[in-house]
Amino acid sequence: MLRLDRSGRLHVIVKARGDQAWSGAERLAERLGGAVTIWWQPERGAPRVVAGDREVLPATVFQQVYASLGDRIRTFALDLLGDLTSVHVWDLYAGIGETTDLLLARGATVESVELDRRAVSWAEGRDAGKPTGALRHIGSVEAVIDRLKPAGAVIANPPRVGMDARVTGILLERRPPRIVYVSCDPATLARDLARLGVATGAYRLAVVQPFDLFPQTAHVETVVLLEAR
């Protein structure tokens, strides 16, 4: 698998079958001109750098393909939450913590939840040596959400399958005043909005903004703002 990360670094991820070993990484990096990070991923193991820069974001961690538009969507979503000074915010499906960092910069305290341990480790590495108002949880959102402190706002960016029914149930029960939902699938977004009580009046659908993140395809990114009634 070939990947260009948001800083312009080139990555090659070599995925092995079974318990194969490989000693050709340095030779491949040399043939490619050296400006590349090569990863080796055993079939039943985590990827690791075998040639090139080892102080890089894990190339197998999820990021938007179109990073600059992803940043614009993230900023738009945060702007919908309004003034966040001293507000406690949940950042659900937090990835590598970019949204959490922006929330902190706006004066919020944050509890983030992310299943991918590598993504959380990367975020914690950025925290090292500096004070932070973030508490980062590793695990599925449905397993962690009922342990979070009461929130004044929530931002959620789930994968294409949307939110687990337990997540929407807890949100409906605890009723944070504002929820921003960033969706990459209109069908699961519609399902989750129904579960969150938009039709029954528990939440008001205040903003719906689509973004053509994947031009000339059927896919669309949608940001919605829900306000508790």
Protein backbone atom coordinates (compact mmCIF):
# COMPACT_ATOMS: atom_id res chain seq x y z
CA MET A 1 0.00 0.00 0.00
CA LEU A 2 1.32 3.46 -0.94
CA ARG A 3 0.47 6.57 1.05
CA LEU A 4 1.28 10.26 1.00
CA ASP A 5 0.70 11.80 4.44
CA ARG A 6 -0.46 15.35 5.09
CA SER A 7 3.10 16.61 5.60
CA GLY A 8 4.16 15.27 2.20
CA ARG A 9 6.05 12.21 3.46
CA LEU A 10 5.93 9.08 1.32
CA HIS A 11 5.07 5.72 2.88
CA VAL A 12 5.16 2.14 1.64
CA ILE A 13 3.24 -0.37 3.80
CA VAL A 14 4.27 -3.96 3.06
CA LYS A 15 1.61 -6.39 4.32
CA ALA A 16 2.82 -9.94 4.88
CA ARG A 17 0.96 -13.22 4.75
CA GLY A 18 1.47 -15.59 7.62
CA ASP A 19 4.75 -15.21 9.52
CA GLN A 20 6.92 -14.18 6.59
CA ALA A 21 10.14 -12.32 7.35
CA TRP A 22 11.68 -9.67 5.11
CA SER A 23 15.17 -8.21 5.03
CA GLY A 24 14.89 -6.03 1.94
CA ALA A 25 13.54 -2.79 3.45
CA GLU A 26 16.78 -0.83 3.46
CA ARG A 27 17.58 -1.87 -0.12
CA LEU A 28 14.10 -0.83 -1.26
CA ALA A 29 14.38 2.53 0.53
CA GLU A 30 17.74 3.13 -1.16
CA ARG A 31 16.31 2.29 -4.59
CA LEU A 32 13.42 4.69 -3.93
CA GLY A 33 15.82 7.52 -3.20
CA GLY A 34 15.72 7.38 0.59
CA ALA A 35 12.89 9.90 1.11
CA VAL A 36 10.37 7.25 2.10
CA THR A 37 9.27 5.44 5.25
CA ILE A 38 8.76 1.69 4.84
CA TRP A 39 6.43 -0.22 7.14
CA TRP A 40 6.23 -3.98 7.68
CA GLN A 41 2.91 -5.38 8.84
CA PRO A 42 2.72 -9.08 9.72
CA GLU A 43 -0.63 -10.73 9.10
CA ARG A 44 -1.42 -10.92 12.81
CA GLY A 45 0.65 -8.02 14.10
CA ALA A 46 0.94 -4.27 14.28
CA PRO A 47 2.83 -2.34 11.56
CA ARG A 48 6.33 -1.10 12.39
CA VAL A 49 8.88 1.05 10.61
CA VAL A 50 11.66 -1.01 9.06
CA ALA A 51 13.36 1.72 7.02
CA GLY A 52 13.30 5.51 6.97
CA ASP A 53 12.06 8.06 9.48
CA ARG A 54 10.72 6.38 12.62
CA GLU A 55 9.31 9.57 14.18
CA VAL A 56 6.28 9.74 11.91
CA LEU A 57 2.54 9.38 12.22
CA PRO A 58 1.58 5.71 11.82
CA ALA A 59 0.69 5.35 8.14
CA THR A 60 -2.11 2.88 8.90
CA VAL A 61 -4.00 5.28 11.20
CA PHE A 62 -7.14 6.70 9.58
CA GLN A 63 -6.92 10.21 8.13
CA GLN A 64 -9.00 11.96 5.51
CA VAL A 65 -7.58 11.49 2.03
CA TYR A 66 -8.10 15.19 1.23
CA ALA A 67 -6.48 16.65 4.35
CA SER A 68 -6.93 20.36 3.61
CA LEU A 69 -10.67 20.06 3.04
CA GLY A 70 -10.86 17.83 6.11
CA ASP A 71 -9.36 20.71 8.09
CA ARG A 72 -11.98 23.10 6.71
CA ILE A 73 -14.77 20.71 7.69
CA ARG A 74 -13.32 20.36 11.18
CA THR A 75 -13.14 24.15 11.63
CA PHE A 76 -16.70 24.58 10.36
CA ALA A 77 -17.91 21.90 12.78
CA LEU A 78 -16.19 23.53 15.76
CA ASP A 79 -17.54 26.96 14.86
CA LEU A 80 -21.06 25.53 15.17
CA LEU A 81 -20.42 24.80 18.84
CA GLY A 82 -19.96 28.50 19.62
CA ASP A 83 -18.01 29.78 22.62
CA LEU A 84 -16.27 26.85 24.30
CA THR A 85 -14.48 28.71 27.10
CA SER A 86 -14.55 26.43 30.18
CA VAL A 87 -17.02 24.08 28.47
CA HIS A 88 -16.47 20.33 28.91
CA VAL A 89 -16.63 18.66 25.50
CA TRP A 90 -16.72 15.04 24.40
CA ASP A 91 -14.69 14.31 21.26
CA LEU A 92 -16.05 10.95 20.10
CA TYR A 93 -14.22 8.85 17.50
CA ALA A 94 -11.29 11.21 18.02
CA GLY A 95 -8.67 9.70 15.69
CA ILE A 96 -5.23 11.22 16.14
CA GLY A 97 -6.62 14.05 18.27
CA GLU A 98 -6.68 16.95 15.82
CA THR A 99 -10.18 17.99 16.89
CA THR A 100 -9.25 17.63 20.56
CA ASP A 101 -6.29 19.98 20.06
CA LEU A 102 -8.53 22.59 18.44
CA LEU A 103 -11.09 22.29 21.23
CA LEU A 104 -8.36 22.86 23.82
CA ALA A 105 -7.14 25.91 21.89
CA ARG A 106 -10.67 27.34 22.16
CA GLY A 107 -10.67 27.04 25.95
CA ALA A 108 -12.58 23.77 26.41
CA THR A 109 -11.72 20.80 28.57
CA VAL A 110 -12.01 17.57 26.63
CA GLU A 111 -12.61 13.88 27.07
CA SER A 112 -11.83 12.07 23.84
CA VAL A 113 -12.60 8.48 22.90
CA GLU A 114 -10.77 6.52 20.18
CA LEU A 115 -10.56 2.79 19.52
CA ASP A 116 -7.21 2.81 17.69
CA ARG A 117 -4.49 2.60 20.33
CA ARG A 118 -1.83 3.79 17.85
CA ALA A 119 -3.78 6.98 17.16
CA VAL A 120 -4.13 7.71 20.87
CA SER A 121 -0.44 7.01 21.48
CA TRP A 122 0.44 9.51 18.77
CA ALA A 123 -1.84 12.13 20.38
CA GLU A 124 -0.36 11.46 23.81
CA GLY A 125 3.13 11.85 22.35
CA ARG A 126 2.21 15.37 21.29
CA ASP A 127 1.02 16.05 24.85
CA ALA A 128 4.32 15.00 26.42
CA GLY A 129 5.97 17.68 28.51
CA LYS A 130 3.14 20.19 28.36
CA PRO A 131 -0.02 20.74 30.42
CA THR A 132 -3.23 19.71 28.73
CA GLY A 133 -6.92 19.78 29.56
CA ALA A 134 -7.55 16.54 27.68
CA LEU A 135 -8.33 13.10 29.05
CA ARG A 136 -7.89 10.56 26.26
CA HIS A 137 -9.75 7.24 26.53
CA ILE A 138 -8.81 4.16 24.50
CA GLY A 139 -11.74 1.95 23.55
CA SER A 140 -14.96 1.86 21.59
CA VAL A 141 -17.28 4.78 22.17
CA GLU A 142 -20.13 2.46 23.19
CA ALA A 143 -17.94 0.89 25.88
CA VAL A 144 -16.67 4.18 27.32
CA ILE A 145 -19.41 6.79 26.89
CA ASP A 146 -21.32 6.11 30.11
CA ARG A 147 -18.13 6.79 32.13
CA LEU A 148 -17.61 10.31 30.76
CA LYS A 149 -18.25 13.42 32.82
CA PRO A 150 -21.32 15.55 31.92
CA ALA A 151 -20.70 17.50 28.72
CA GLY A 152 -21.78 20.94 27.61
CA ALA A 153 -21.13 19.98 23.99
CA VAL A 154 -20.30 16.91 21.91
CA ILE A 155 -18.56 16.48 18.57
CA ALA A 156 -18.72 13.05 16.94
CA ASN A 157 -17.10 11.82 13.73
CA PRO A 158 -17.99 8.13 13.49
CA PRO A 159 -16.99 5.76 10.70
CA ARG A 160 -19.36 4.95 7.84
CA VAL A 161 -21.42 2.54 9.98
CA GLY A 162 -22.45 5.47 12.18
CA MET A 163 -23.06 5.33 15.92
CA ASP A 164 -23.84 2.20 17.88
CA ALA A 165 -27.36 2.26 19.28
CA ARG A 166 -25.89 2.40 22.80
CA VAL A 167 -24.12 5.67 21.92
CA THR A 168 -27.26 7.39 20.64
CA GLY A 169 -29.14 6.03 23.65
CA ILE A 170 -26.68 7.55 26.14
CA LEU A 171 -26.66 10.86 24.26
CA LEU A 172 -30.45 10.97 24.34
CA GLU A 173 -30.48 10.09 28.03
CA ARG A 174 -27.83 12.62 29.12
CA ARG A 175 -28.97 15.28 26.63
CA PRO A 176 -25.89 17.51 26.11
CA PRO A 177 -27.06 20.95 24.93
CA ARG A 178 -25.23 20.84 21.58
CA ILE A 179 -24.11 17.95 19.39
CA VAL A 180 -22.16 18.31 16.16
CA TYR A 181 -22.24 15.15 14.08
CA VAL A 182 -19.79 14.78 11.18
CA SER A 183 -21.00 11.99 8.91
CA CYS A 184 -19.57 10.28 5.84
CA ASP A 185 -22.76 8.35 5.07
CA PRO A 186 -26.18 10.01 4.69
CA ALA A 187 -28.07 6.76 5.37
CA THR A 188 -26.50 6.08 8.78
CA LEU A 189 -26.72 9.79 9.60
CA ALA A 190 -30.49 9.73 8.97
CA ARG A 191 -30.83 6.61 11.13
CA ASP A 192 -28.86 8.14 13.99
CA LEU A 193 -30.77 11.44 13.85
CA ALA A 194 -33.97 9.44 14.23
CA ARG A 195 -32.49 7.60 17.21
CA LEU A 196 -31.53 10.95 18.75
CA GLY A 197 -35.14 12.06 18.72
CA VAL A 198 -35.07 14.71 16.00
CA ALA A 199 -38.54 13.68 14.82
CA THR A 200 -39.96 13.53 18.36
CA GLY A 201 -38.55 16.88 19.47
CA ALA A 202 -35.76 15.83 21.81
CA TYR A 203 -33.29 17.67 19.60
CA ARG A 204 -33.74 20.41 17.01
CA LEU A 205 -31.88 19.98 13.74
CA ALA A 206 -30.37 23.47 13.51
CA VAL A 207 -27.79 23.16 10.69
CA VAL A 208 -27.21 20.69 7.85
CA GLN A 209 -24.17 21.37 5.66
CA PRO A 210 -22.88 18.89 3.06
CA PHE A 211 -19.30 18.96 1.75
CA ASP A 212 -18.23 17.40 -1.55
CA LEU A 213 -15.18 15.74 -0.04
CA PHE A 214 -15.08 13.02 -2.70
CA PRO A 215 -15.79 14.77 -6.04
CA GLN A 216 -17.40 12.77 -8.86
CA THR A 217 -18.45 9.99 -6.49
CA ALA A 218 -21.69 9.24 -4.66
CA HIS A 219 -20.05 9.98 -1.32
CA VAL A 220 -20.63 13.16 0.66
CA GLU A 221 -19.49 14.45 4.05
CA THR A 222 -22.25 16.10 6.08
CA VAL A 223 -22.01 18.24 9.22
CA VAL A 224 -25.12 18.71 11.35
CA LEU A 225 -25.78 20.69 14.51
CA LEU A 226 -28.32 19.39 17.01
CA GLU A 227 -29.64 21.60 19.82
CA ALA A 228 -31.46 20.13 22.81
CA ARG A 229 -35.02 21.36 23.23
